[in-house]
């Protein structure tokens, strides 16, 4: 039931898990975290706290923005995120806050995918990604 990132096989060939509780103890001020794995936006609704999941844990750790996926997407050899990182590094965004840089880079990447050919053009591919931010 709990959300966690499986990092690698550890003792007894079981995956080492990075839980939201562990993530929230890290310090990653002003960073942009990218969780490209399927359903990384998943969170549990807890009365009095709201949605609690991995993205909120990264924000608690100090991240300015977290890129998450709402559903599984095709593995496209990294072209989506190559485009995202290219836009993120654009000199025109250099003076923007990390959260705004992430949002603009994601929007530009999604527009680029809409104007591409094949499966990348479909919203089922590019619309899966969202920015969760403090801003």
N, C-alpha and C. Protein backbone atom coordinates (compact mmCIF):
# COMPACT_ATOMS: atom_id res chain seq x y z
N UNK A 1 0.81 -1.20 0.00
CA UNK A 1 0.00 0.00 0.00
C UNK A 1 0.85 1.27 0.00
N UNK A 2 2.03 1.22 0.58
CA UNK A 2 2.86 2.41 0.67
C UNK A 2 3.61 2.66 -0.63
N UNK A 3 3.77 3.92 -0.98
CA UNK A 3 4.54 4.31 -2.14
C UNK A 3 6.00 4.36 -1.76
N UNK A 4 6.86 3.87 -2.65
CA UNK A 4 8.30 3.92 -2.43
C UNK A 4 9.00 3.77 -3.77
N UNK A 5 10.25 4.22 -3.82
CA UNK A 5 11.08 4.03 -5.00
C UNK A 5 11.94 2.81 -4.77
N UNK A 6 11.92 1.87 -5.70
CA UNK A 6 12.78 0.70 -5.62
C UNK A 6 14.10 1.07 -6.27
N UNK A 7 15.19 1.07 -5.49
CA UNK A 7 16.47 1.53 -5.99
C UNK A 7 17.31 0.42 -6.62
N UNK A 8 17.45 -0.67 -5.93
CA UNK A 8 18.28 -1.77 -6.42
C UNK A 8 17.98 -3.00 -5.58
N UNK A 9 18.53 -4.12 -5.99
CA UNK A 9 18.39 -5.32 -5.17
C UNK A 9 19.38 -5.26 -4.03
N UNK A 10 18.88 -5.46 -2.84
CA UNK A 10 19.73 -5.42 -1.65
C UNK A 10 19.90 -6.80 -1.07
N UNK A 11 19.94 -6.86 0.23
CA UNK A 11 20.09 -8.13 0.93
C UNK A 11 18.95 -9.07 0.55
N UNK A 12 19.25 -10.32 0.47
CA UNK A 12 18.26 -11.35 0.13
C UNK A 12 17.58 -11.11 -1.21
N UNK A 13 18.24 -10.35 -2.09
CA UNK A 13 17.73 -10.05 -3.44
C UNK A 13 16.37 -9.35 -3.42
N UNK A 14 16.09 -8.63 -2.34
CA UNK A 14 14.89 -7.81 -2.24
C UNK A 14 15.26 -6.37 -2.58
N UNK A 15 14.35 -5.62 -3.18
CA UNK A 15 14.69 -4.23 -3.54
C UNK A 15 14.87 -3.35 -2.31
N UNK A 16 15.85 -2.45 -2.41
CA UNK A 16 16.01 -1.42 -1.38
C UNK A 16 14.99 -0.34 -1.70
N UNK A 17 14.19 0.04 -0.72
CA UNK A 17 13.10 0.99 -0.95
C UNK A 17 13.40 2.34 -0.33
N UNK A 18 13.15 3.38 -1.10
CA UNK A 18 13.26 4.75 -0.63
C UNK A 18 11.85 5.24 -0.38
N UNK A 19 11.48 5.36 0.87
CA UNK A 19 10.11 5.72 1.26
C UNK A 19 9.96 7.23 1.40
N UNK A 20 8.72 7.72 1.37
CA UNK A 20 8.51 9.15 1.59
C UNK A 20 9.07 9.63 2.93
N UNK A 21 8.98 8.80 3.94
CA UNK A 21 9.51 9.18 5.25
C UNK A 21 11.02 9.42 5.19
N UNK A 22 11.73 8.57 4.47
CA UNK A 22 13.18 8.70 4.32
C UNK A 22 13.52 9.91 3.46
N UNK A 23 12.80 10.07 2.35
CA UNK A 23 13.05 11.20 1.45
C UNK A 23 12.91 12.52 2.20
N UNK A 24 11.89 12.64 3.05
CA UNK A 24 11.64 13.91 3.75
C UNK A 24 12.75 14.27 4.72
N UNK A 25 13.66 13.35 5.04
CA UNK A 25 14.79 13.67 5.91
C UNK A 25 15.97 14.24 5.12
N UNK A 26 15.94 14.15 3.80
CA UNK A 26 17.02 14.68 2.97
C UNK A 26 16.92 16.20 2.90
N UNK A 27 18.00 16.83 2.48
CA UNK A 27 18.00 18.28 2.26
C UNK A 27 18.45 18.54 0.83
N UNK A 28 17.51 18.99 0.01
CA UNK A 28 17.78 19.25 -1.41
C UNK A 28 17.22 20.63 -1.79
N UNK A 29 17.71 21.69 -1.15
CA UNK A 29 17.12 23.01 -1.37
C UNK A 29 17.18 23.47 -2.82
N UNK A 30 16.07 24.07 -3.26
CA UNK A 30 15.96 24.69 -4.59
C UNK A 30 16.23 23.74 -5.75
N UNK A 31 16.05 22.46 -5.56
CA UNK A 31 16.32 21.49 -6.63
C UNK A 31 15.05 21.18 -7.41
N UNK A 32 15.26 20.57 -8.57
CA UNK A 32 14.17 20.06 -9.39
C UNK A 32 14.35 18.55 -9.43
N UNK A 33 13.37 17.82 -8.93
CA UNK A 33 13.42 16.37 -8.88
C UNK A 33 12.56 15.83 -10.02
N UNK A 34 13.10 14.88 -10.77
CA UNK A 34 12.36 14.28 -11.89
C UNK A 34 12.11 12.81 -11.56
N UNK A 35 10.84 12.45 -11.45
CA UNK A 35 10.43 11.07 -11.20
C UNK A 35 9.72 10.58 -12.46
N UNK A 36 10.48 10.01 -13.36
CA UNK A 36 9.91 9.63 -14.66
C UNK A 36 9.20 8.28 -14.63
N UNK A 37 9.26 7.61 -13.50
CA UNK A 37 8.62 6.30 -13.39
C UNK A 37 7.10 6.38 -13.43
N UNK A 38 6.49 5.30 -13.83
CA UNK A 38 5.03 5.23 -13.96
C UNK A 38 4.33 5.50 -12.63
N UNK A 39 3.27 6.28 -12.70
CA UNK A 39 2.43 6.57 -11.54
C UNK A 39 3.17 7.23 -10.37
N UNK A 40 4.24 7.97 -10.64
CA UNK A 40 4.99 8.59 -9.55
C UNK A 40 4.22 9.71 -8.87
N UNK A 41 3.10 10.13 -9.45
CA UNK A 41 2.27 11.15 -8.83
C UNK A 41 1.34 10.55 -7.77
N UNK A 42 1.29 9.25 -7.69
CA UNK A 42 0.40 8.57 -6.76
C UNK A 42 0.62 9.06 -5.33
N UNK A 43 -0.45 9.30 -4.62
CA UNK A 43 -0.38 9.75 -3.23
C UNK A 43 -1.58 9.23 -2.47
N UNK A 44 -1.44 9.20 -1.17
CA UNK A 44 -2.52 8.74 -0.30
C UNK A 44 -3.17 9.96 0.35
N UNK A 45 -4.49 10.00 0.34
CA UNK A 45 -5.23 11.08 0.99
C UNK A 45 -5.35 10.76 2.48
N UNK A 46 -4.80 11.65 3.30
CA UNK A 46 -4.85 11.46 4.75
C UNK A 46 -5.59 12.65 5.35
N UNK A 47 -6.69 12.38 6.09
CA UNK A 47 -7.46 13.47 6.69
C UNK A 47 -6.57 14.39 7.52
N UNK A 48 -6.72 15.68 7.31
CA UNK A 48 -5.94 16.67 8.06
C UNK A 48 -4.57 16.96 7.46
N UNK A 49 -4.09 16.10 6.57
CA UNK A 49 -2.79 16.31 5.95
C UNK A 49 -2.88 16.55 4.45
N UNK A 50 -3.90 16.01 3.83
CA UNK A 50 -4.03 16.11 2.38
C UNK A 50 -3.36 14.93 1.70
N UNK A 51 -2.87 15.17 0.48
CA UNK A 51 -2.21 14.11 -0.28
C UNK A 51 -0.77 13.94 0.19
N UNK A 52 -0.42 12.72 0.54
CA UNK A 52 0.92 12.42 1.03
C UNK A 52 1.52 11.35 0.13
N UNK A 53 2.63 11.68 -0.50
CA UNK A 53 3.30 10.75 -1.39
C UNK A 53 4.74 11.16 -1.60
N UNK A 54 5.34 10.61 -2.62
CA UNK A 54 6.76 10.87 -2.88
C UNK A 54 7.00 12.33 -3.28
N UNK A 55 6.12 12.90 -4.09
CA UNK A 55 6.35 14.29 -4.50
C UNK A 55 6.30 15.24 -3.30
N UNK A 56 5.36 15.03 -2.40
CA UNK A 56 5.28 15.88 -1.21
C UNK A 56 6.51 15.69 -0.33
N UNK A 57 7.03 14.47 -0.27
CA UNK A 57 8.24 14.21 0.53
C UNK A 57 9.43 15.00 -0.03
N UNK A 58 9.56 15.05 -1.36
CA UNK A 58 10.65 15.82 -1.96
C UNK A 58 10.47 17.31 -1.69
N UNK A 59 9.23 17.81 -1.72
CA UNK A 59 9.00 19.22 -1.39
C UNK A 59 9.35 19.49 0.07
N UNK A 60 9.03 18.56 0.95
CA UNK A 60 9.40 18.68 2.37
C UNK A 60 10.92 18.73 2.52
N UNK A 61 11.62 17.99 1.68
CA UNK A 61 13.09 17.96 1.73
C UNK A 61 13.72 19.23 1.16
N UNK A 62 12.89 20.10 0.57
CA UNK A 62 13.40 21.37 0.08
C UNK A 62 13.37 21.56 -1.42
N UNK A 63 12.95 20.55 -2.16
CA UNK A 63 12.88 20.70 -3.62
C UNK A 63 11.91 21.82 -3.98
N UNK A 64 12.22 22.54 -5.03
CA UNK A 64 11.32 23.59 -5.52
C UNK A 64 10.24 23.03 -6.41
N UNK A 65 10.56 21.94 -7.12
CA UNK A 65 9.59 21.35 -8.04
C UNK A 65 9.89 19.87 -8.21
N UNK A 66 8.84 19.10 -8.45
CA UNK A 66 8.96 17.66 -8.70
C UNK A 66 8.17 17.35 -9.96
N UNK A 67 8.82 16.73 -10.92
CA UNK A 67 8.15 16.28 -12.15
C UNK A 67 7.68 14.86 -11.89
N UNK A 68 6.39 14.61 -12.10
CA UNK A 68 5.81 13.29 -11.83
C UNK A 68 4.98 12.82 -13.02
N UNK A 69 4.66 11.54 -13.00
CA UNK A 69 3.85 10.93 -14.05
C UNK A 69 2.55 10.41 -13.43
N UNK A 70 1.45 10.68 -14.12
CA UNK A 70 0.14 10.25 -13.63
C UNK A 70 -0.22 8.83 -14.06
N UNK A 71 0.43 8.33 -15.11
CA UNK A 71 0.16 6.99 -15.61
C UNK A 71 1.37 6.49 -16.38
N UNK A 72 1.41 5.19 -16.66
CA UNK A 72 2.53 4.64 -17.43
C UNK A 72 2.57 5.21 -18.86
N UNK A 73 3.77 5.46 -19.36
CA UNK A 73 3.96 5.91 -20.74
C UNK A 73 4.96 5.00 -21.44
N UNK A 74 4.97 5.08 -22.74
CA UNK A 74 5.91 4.27 -23.52
C UNK A 74 7.34 4.72 -23.23
N UNK A 75 8.26 3.77 -23.17
CA UNK A 75 9.67 4.08 -23.02
C UNK A 75 10.18 4.47 -24.40
N UNK A 76 10.49 5.73 -24.57
CA UNK A 76 10.84 6.23 -25.91
C UNK A 76 12.33 6.50 -26.07
N UNK A 77 13.15 5.82 -25.32
CA UNK A 77 14.59 6.03 -25.43
C UNK A 77 15.05 7.35 -24.85
N UNK A 78 14.23 7.96 -24.02
CA UNK A 78 14.62 9.17 -23.34
C UNK A 78 14.40 10.46 -24.11
N UNK A 79 13.72 10.42 -25.25
CA UNK A 79 13.55 11.62 -26.06
C UNK A 79 12.72 12.69 -25.34
N UNK A 80 11.71 12.26 -24.58
CA UNK A 80 10.89 13.23 -23.84
C UNK A 80 11.77 14.00 -22.86
N UNK A 81 12.55 13.28 -22.06
CA UNK A 81 13.34 13.97 -21.05
C UNK A 81 14.59 14.63 -21.62
N UNK A 82 15.09 14.17 -22.75
CA UNK A 82 16.18 14.89 -23.43
C UNK A 82 15.67 16.27 -23.83
N UNK A 83 14.44 16.32 -24.35
CA UNK A 83 13.82 17.60 -24.71
C UNK A 83 13.60 18.45 -23.47
N UNK A 84 13.09 17.84 -22.40
CA UNK A 84 12.84 18.57 -21.16
C UNK A 84 14.13 19.21 -20.64
N UNK A 85 15.21 18.45 -20.56
CA UNK A 85 16.47 18.98 -20.03
C UNK A 85 17.06 20.05 -20.95
N UNK A 86 16.87 19.91 -22.24
CA UNK A 86 17.34 20.93 -23.18
C UNK A 86 16.60 22.25 -22.92
N UNK A 87 15.28 22.17 -22.76
CA UNK A 87 14.51 23.38 -22.46
C UNK A 87 14.87 23.94 -21.09
N UNK A 88 15.08 23.07 -20.12
CA UNK A 88 15.41 23.50 -18.75
C UNK A 88 16.73 24.28 -18.73
N UNK A 89 17.67 23.91 -19.60
CA UNK A 89 18.99 24.56 -19.64
C UNK A 89 19.02 25.80 -20.52
N UNK A 90 17.90 26.17 -21.11
CA UNK A 90 17.87 27.33 -22.01
C UNK A 90 18.29 28.60 -21.28
N UNK A 91 19.16 29.38 -21.87
CA UNK A 91 19.60 30.64 -21.24
C UNK A 91 18.45 31.58 -20.89
N UNK A 92 17.37 31.53 -21.66
CA UNK A 92 16.23 32.42 -21.39
C UNK A 92 15.54 32.11 -20.06
N UNK A 93 15.77 30.92 -19.51
CA UNK A 93 15.16 30.55 -18.23
C UNK A 93 16.12 30.69 -17.05
N UNK A 94 17.35 31.06 -17.32
CA UNK A 94 18.40 31.07 -16.29
C UNK A 94 18.05 31.91 -15.07
N UNK A 95 17.36 33.02 -15.25
CA UNK A 95 17.06 33.90 -14.12
C UNK A 95 15.76 33.56 -13.41
N UNK A 96 15.03 32.57 -13.92
CA UNK A 96 13.76 32.17 -13.30
C UNK A 96 13.99 31.27 -12.09
N UNK A 97 13.00 31.20 -11.23
CA UNK A 97 13.07 30.30 -10.08
C UNK A 97 13.05 28.85 -10.59
N UNK A 98 13.56 27.90 -9.79
CA UNK A 98 13.56 26.50 -10.24
C UNK A 98 12.17 25.97 -10.58
N UNK A 99 11.17 26.33 -9.79
CA UNK A 99 9.81 25.87 -10.07
C UNK A 99 9.28 26.39 -11.38
N UNK A 100 9.52 27.67 -11.67
CA UNK A 100 9.07 28.25 -12.93
C UNK A 100 9.85 27.64 -14.09
N UNK A 101 11.16 27.45 -13.94
CA UNK A 101 11.97 26.82 -15.00
C UNK A 101 11.43 25.44 -15.32
N UNK A 102 11.10 24.66 -14.30
CA UNK A 102 10.57 23.31 -14.51
C UNK A 102 9.23 23.35 -15.24
N UNK A 103 8.35 24.26 -14.82
CA UNK A 103 7.03 24.35 -15.44
C UNK A 103 7.13 24.78 -16.90
N UNK A 104 7.97 25.78 -17.19
CA UNK A 104 8.12 26.24 -18.57
C UNK A 104 8.77 25.17 -19.43
N UNK A 105 9.82 24.52 -18.91
CA UNK A 105 10.49 23.46 -19.67
C UNK A 105 9.54 22.31 -19.96
N UNK A 106 8.71 21.94 -18.99
CA UNK A 106 7.75 20.86 -19.22
C UNK A 106 6.70 21.27 -20.25
N UNK A 107 6.19 22.49 -20.16
CA UNK A 107 5.20 22.97 -21.14
C UNK A 107 5.78 22.98 -22.55
N UNK A 108 7.02 23.45 -22.70
CA UNK A 108 7.66 23.48 -24.02
C UNK A 108 7.89 22.07 -24.56
N UNK A 109 8.26 21.16 -23.66
CA UNK A 109 8.45 19.77 -24.07
C UNK A 109 7.13 19.16 -24.53
N UNK A 110 6.07 19.40 -23.79
CA UNK A 110 4.77 18.86 -24.17
C UNK A 110 4.29 19.45 -25.50
N UNK A 111 4.56 20.72 -25.75
CA UNK A 111 4.22 21.32 -27.05
C UNK A 111 5.04 20.68 -28.17
N UNK A 112 6.30 20.44 -27.90
CA UNK A 112 7.16 19.79 -28.88
C UNK A 112 6.63 18.40 -29.22
N UNK A 113 6.19 17.66 -28.20
CA UNK A 113 5.65 16.32 -28.43
C UNK A 113 4.35 16.39 -29.25
N UNK A 114 3.52 17.39 -28.98
CA UNK A 114 2.26 17.54 -29.72
C UNK A 114 2.50 17.75 -31.21
N UNK A 115 3.62 18.36 -31.54
CA UNK A 115 3.94 18.65 -32.94
C UNK A 115 4.88 17.62 -33.56
N UNK A 116 5.09 16.51 -32.87
CA UNK A 116 5.94 15.45 -33.40
C UNK A 116 5.09 14.42 -34.15
N UNK A 117 5.74 13.37 -34.58
CA UNK A 117 5.04 12.30 -35.30
C UNK A 117 4.91 11.06 -34.42
N UNK A 118 4.01 10.19 -34.79
CA UNK A 118 3.87 8.91 -34.11
C UNK A 118 3.20 9.02 -32.75
N UNK A 119 3.53 8.07 -31.88
CA UNK A 119 2.85 7.97 -30.58
C UNK A 119 3.15 9.15 -29.67
N UNK A 120 4.26 9.85 -29.85
CA UNK A 120 4.59 10.99 -28.99
C UNK A 120 3.58 12.13 -29.14
N UNK A 121 2.89 12.17 -30.26
CA UNK A 121 1.90 13.22 -30.52
C UNK A 121 0.65 13.04 -29.67
N UNK A 122 0.39 11.83 -29.24
CA UNK A 122 -0.83 11.52 -28.50
C UNK A 122 -0.76 12.05 -27.06
N UNK A 123 -1.85 12.67 -26.59
CA UNK A 123 -1.88 13.12 -25.20
C UNK A 123 -1.64 11.99 -24.19
N UNK A 124 -1.94 10.76 -24.57
CA UNK A 124 -1.70 9.65 -23.63
C UNK A 124 -0.21 9.50 -23.33
N UNK A 125 0.64 10.07 -24.19
CA UNK A 125 2.08 10.05 -23.94
C UNK A 125 2.55 11.30 -23.19
N UNK A 126 2.34 12.48 -23.75
CA UNK A 126 2.93 13.70 -23.18
C UNK A 126 2.15 14.29 -22.00
N UNK A 127 0.85 14.02 -21.90
CA UNK A 127 0.05 14.63 -20.84
C UNK A 127 0.19 13.92 -19.49
N UNK A 128 0.92 12.82 -19.47
CA UNK A 128 1.11 12.08 -18.22
C UNK A 128 1.94 12.85 -17.21
N UNK A 129 2.77 13.78 -17.70
CA UNK A 129 3.74 14.46 -16.83
C UNK A 129 3.21 15.78 -16.30
N UNK A 130 3.46 16.02 -15.03
CA UNK A 130 3.00 17.23 -14.33
C UNK A 130 4.10 17.75 -13.43
N UNK A 131 3.96 19.02 -13.06
CA UNK A 131 4.87 19.64 -12.09
C UNK A 131 4.13 19.81 -10.78
N UNK A 132 4.72 19.36 -9.71
CA UNK A 132 4.23 19.62 -8.36
C UNK A 132 5.25 20.59 -7.77
N UNK A 133 4.76 21.73 -7.28
CA UNK A 133 5.70 22.77 -6.86
C UNK A 133 5.20 23.52 -5.64
N UNK A 134 6.12 24.18 -4.97
CA UNK A 134 5.77 25.05 -3.85
C UNK A 134 5.26 26.40 -4.34
N UNK A 135 5.55 26.72 -5.58
CA UNK A 135 5.19 28.04 -6.14
C UNK A 135 3.76 28.08 -6.61
